[in-house]
Amino acid sequence: MLAVMSNGKTGAPCGACRELMVQLMPTTYKDIEIMLDYEQDKVVALGELTPEWWIG
């Protein structure tokens, strides 16, 4: 997943986008890869950005 900010840089998706991805893929959302920084090639899993308490 790639979120492009208003300044043209990549970053984390907003909370509403994260929630939609969780709802669309409830059993595998933790495996969705998000590119936080294209220039640094930094990728994290949605599971790292979305705490368990928030889902339950």
Protein backbone atom coordinates (compact mmCIF):
# COMPACT_ATOMS: atom_id res chain seq x y z
CA MET A 1 0.00 0.00 0.00
CA LEU A 2 1.32 3.41 -0.87
CA ALA A 3 -0.11 6.62 0.60
CA VAL A 4 1.08 9.83 -1.01
CA MET A 5 0.90 12.95 1.15
CA SER A 6 0.09 16.46 -0.08
CA ASN A 7 3.81 17.27 -0.23
CA GLY A 8 4.42 14.35 -2.61
CA LYS A 9 6.18 12.19 0.00
CA THR A 10 4.94 8.79 1.12
CA GLY A 11 3.63 8.15 4.61
CA ALA A 12 1.27 6.13 6.76
CA PRO A 13 -2.38 5.88 5.72
CA CYS A 14 -4.94 7.72 7.84
CA GLY A 15 -7.00 5.94 10.49
CA ALA A 16 -10.06 5.66 8.23
CA CYS A 17 -7.98 3.98 5.53
CA ARG A 18 -6.45 1.60 8.06
CA GLU A 19 -9.91 0.73 9.36
CA LEU A 20 -11.16 0.01 5.82
CA MET A 21 -8.23 -2.32 5.14
CA VAL A 22 -8.94 -4.17 8.41
CA GLN A 23 -12.61 -4.53 7.48
CA LEU A 24 -11.82 -5.76 3.97
CA MET A 25 -9.20 -8.28 5.15
CA PRO A 26 -10.08 -9.10 8.79
CA THR A 27 -7.92 -12.22 9.05
CA THR A 28 -4.90 -11.05 7.04
CA TYR A 29 -4.79 -7.26 7.49
CA LYS A 30 -1.63 -7.55 9.61
CA ASP A 31 0.28 -8.72 6.52
CA ILE A 32 -0.54 -5.71 4.33
CA GLU A 33 2.73 -3.95 3.54
CA ILE A 34 2.82 -0.16 3.71
CA MET A 35 5.65 1.86 2.26
CA LEU A 36 6.29 4.59 4.82
CA ASP A 37 9.24 6.15 3.03
CA TYR A 38 9.82 5.53 -0.66
CA GLU A 39 13.20 7.29 -0.71
CA GLN A 40 14.50 5.24 2.24
CA ASP A 41 12.74 2.06 1.04
CA LYS A 42 11.08 1.73 4.48
CA VAL A 43 8.20 -0.76 4.58
CA VAL A 44 6.14 -1.85 7.60
CA ALA A 45 3.21 -4.20 8.05
CA LEU A 46 -0.21 -2.77 8.87
CA GLY A 47 -0.16 -4.96 11.98
CA GLU A 48 2.74 -2.85 13.28
CA LEU A 49 0.74 0.36 12.83
CA THR A 50 -2.61 -0.89 14.12
CA PRO A 51 -2.79 -1.91 17.79
CA GLU A 52 -4.89 -4.94 18.79
CA TRP A 53 -7.03 -2.97 21.28
CA TRP A 54 -8.18 -0.69 18.49
CA ILE A 55 -9.61 -3.57 16.45
CA GLY A 56 -11.45 -5.36 19.27
